[in-house]
Amino acid sequence: MSNEILTKWGQLTDFIANRFDHKNPDLNAILFIIGIRELGTISDSNFSKDEKVMLLHIATCKILSYSGYYELEGIDSDGWPRWKSIKPIPMLDLSEQELFLKQHIIEYFDKEEILAF
């Protein structure tokens, strides 16, 4: 992983840890936070297992939308965003997938003006 990505990822995890009192947030924890943010309103913070999976999906689609992999189709009747695949995600090994997602998460926090790098 490049030094720049490592530095920014460290800044991001420190920000999340301080903001949410969560020690060493991992990739899934950060995706979960993004998913909740993209959902918008939270009527009940006790999400079912299926809803948690959907939150991770929403977050993944949102962060990959910046590179044209997904496009928002709209909001369903329950208020959940629906995404459609625009182009295939590249085939990557596990470490490359992690780097790919981290780069997009960093871009999300930057473009959404949540954290300036």
Protein backbone atom coordinates (compact mmCIF):
# COMPACT_ATOMS: atom_id res chain seq x y z
CA MET A 1 0.00 0.00 0.00
CA SER A 2 1.36 3.41 -0.88
CA ASN A 3 2.57 5.71 1.89
CA GLU A 4 -0.02 8.31 0.88
CA ILE A 5 -2.90 5.84 1.21
CA LEU A 6 -1.50 4.52 4.51
CA THR A 7 -1.25 8.06 5.89
CA LYS A 8 -4.76 9.03 4.79
CA TRP A 9 -6.22 5.73 6.04
CA GLY A 10 -4.59 6.36 9.43
CA GLN A 11 -6.08 9.86 9.55
CA LEU A 12 -9.48 8.45 8.63
CA THR A 13 -9.45 5.67 11.23
CA ASP A 14 -8.28 8.15 13.89
CA PHE A 15 -11.15 10.47 12.92
CA ILE A 16 -13.70 7.62 13.16
CA ALA A 17 -12.22 6.35 16.43
CA ASN A 18 -12.45 9.81 18.00
CA ARG A 19 -15.85 10.65 16.58
CA PHE A 20 -17.58 7.37 17.48
CA ASP A 21 -15.47 6.27 20.45
CA HIS A 22 -14.55 3.14 18.49
CA LYS A 23 -11.05 1.78 18.87
CA ASN A 24 -9.38 0.73 15.61
CA PRO A 25 -12.39 0.74 13.26
CA ASP A 26 -11.95 -1.78 10.49
CA LEU A 27 -13.08 -1.57 6.87
CA ASN A 28 -16.52 -3.05 7.61
CA ALA A 29 -17.16 -0.68 10.52
CA ILE A 30 -16.38 2.30 8.30
CA LEU A 31 -18.56 0.94 5.48
CA PHE A 32 -21.37 0.46 8.02
CA ILE A 33 -21.06 4.12 9.09
CA ILE A 34 -21.14 5.23 5.45
CA GLY A 35 -24.20 3.05 4.83
CA ILE A 36 -26.06 4.60 7.76
CA ARG A 37 -25.11 8.09 6.56
CA GLU A 38 -26.33 7.32 3.03
CA LEU A 39 -29.57 5.83 4.33
CA GLY A 40 -30.26 9.21 5.88
CA THR A 41 -32.71 8.83 8.69
CA ILE A 42 -32.54 6.20 11.37
CA SER A 43 -35.88 5.26 12.85
CA ASP A 44 -34.50 2.29 14.79
CA SER A 45 -30.80 1.82 15.42
CA ASN A 46 -31.29 -1.93 15.96
CA PHE A 47 -30.81 -3.12 12.40
CA SER A 48 -31.58 -6.71 11.48
CA LYS A 49 -28.82 -8.86 10.02
CA ASP A 50 -30.26 -8.36 6.51
CA GLU A 51 -30.43 -4.60 7.02
CA LYS A 52 -26.79 -4.54 8.14
CA VAL A 53 -25.81 -6.37 4.95
CA MET A 54 -27.85 -3.85 2.94
CA LEU A 55 -26.08 -0.95 4.70
CA LEU A 56 -22.71 -2.40 3.67
CA HIS A 57 -24.04 -2.78 0.11
CA ILE A 58 -25.30 0.82 0.05
CA ALA A 59 -21.92 2.07 1.26
CA THR A 60 -20.00 -0.01 -1.26
CA CYS A 61 -22.19 1.17 -4.13
CA LYS A 62 -21.89 4.79 -3.02
CA ILE A 63 -18.10 4.80 -2.75
CA LEU A 64 -17.72 2.95 -6.07
CA SER A 65 -20.15 5.33 -7.78
CA TYR A 66 -17.39 7.96 -7.82
CA SER A 67 -15.51 5.75 -10.30
CA GLY A 68 -18.60 4.95 -12.36
CA TYR A 69 -19.16 1.39 -11.15
CA TYR A 70 -22.65 2.09 -9.77
CA GLU A 71 -25.41 4.61 -10.31
CA LEU A 72 -28.22 5.49 -7.94
CA GLU A 73 -31.52 4.25 -9.40
CA GLY A 74 -33.69 5.80 -6.74
CA ILE A 75 -35.21 5.17 -3.36
CA ASP A 76 -37.50 2.21 -2.72
CA SER A 77 -40.83 2.38 -0.90
CA ASP A 78 -39.09 1.73 2.44
CA GLY A 79 -36.72 4.66 1.93
CA TRP A 80 -33.65 2.59 1.06
CA PRO A 81 -31.40 3.66 -1.84
CA ARG A 82 -31.28 1.29 -4.82
CA TRP A 83 -28.19 1.11 -7.00
CA LYS A 84 -27.57 -0.37 -10.42
CA SER A 85 -24.28 -1.72 -11.69
CA ILE A 86 -22.85 0.29 -14.58
CA LYS A 87 -19.59 -1.52 -15.24
CA PRO A 88 -17.91 -4.60 -13.80
CA ILE A 89 -15.65 -4.22 -10.81
CA PRO A 90 -12.12 -5.40 -11.64
CA MET A 91 -11.05 -8.86 -10.54
CA LEU A 92 -8.62 -8.33 -7.68
CA ASP A 93 -7.00 -10.51 -5.06
CA LEU A 94 -7.92 -9.95 -1.42
CA SER A 95 -5.20 -7.40 -0.63
CA GLU A 96 -5.91 -5.50 -3.86
CA GLN A 97 -9.65 -5.46 -3.01
CA GLU A 98 -8.89 -3.99 0.40
CA LEU A 99 -6.70 -1.27 -1.12
CA PHE A 100 -9.34 -0.57 -3.80
CA LEU A 101 -12.04 -0.09 -1.16
CA LYS A 102 -9.81 1.99 1.12
CA GLN A 103 -8.94 4.34 -1.75
CA HIS A 104 -12.63 4.79 -2.52
CA ILE A 105 -13.53 5.31 1.15
CA ILE A 106 -10.86 8.00 1.42
CA GLU A 107 -12.30 9.62 -1.72
CA TYR A 108 -15.80 9.47 -0.20
CA PHE A 109 -14.76 11.25 2.99
CA ASP A 110 -12.92 13.86 0.94
CA LYS A 111 -15.63 14.48 -1.69
CA GLU A 112 -18.42 14.54 0.88
CA GLU A 113 -16.33 17.11 2.80
CA ILE A 114 -16.38 15.06 5.96
CA LEU A 115 -12.61 14.98 6.37
CA ALA A 116 -10.10 17.06 4.46
CA PHE A 117 -6.84 15.30 3.70
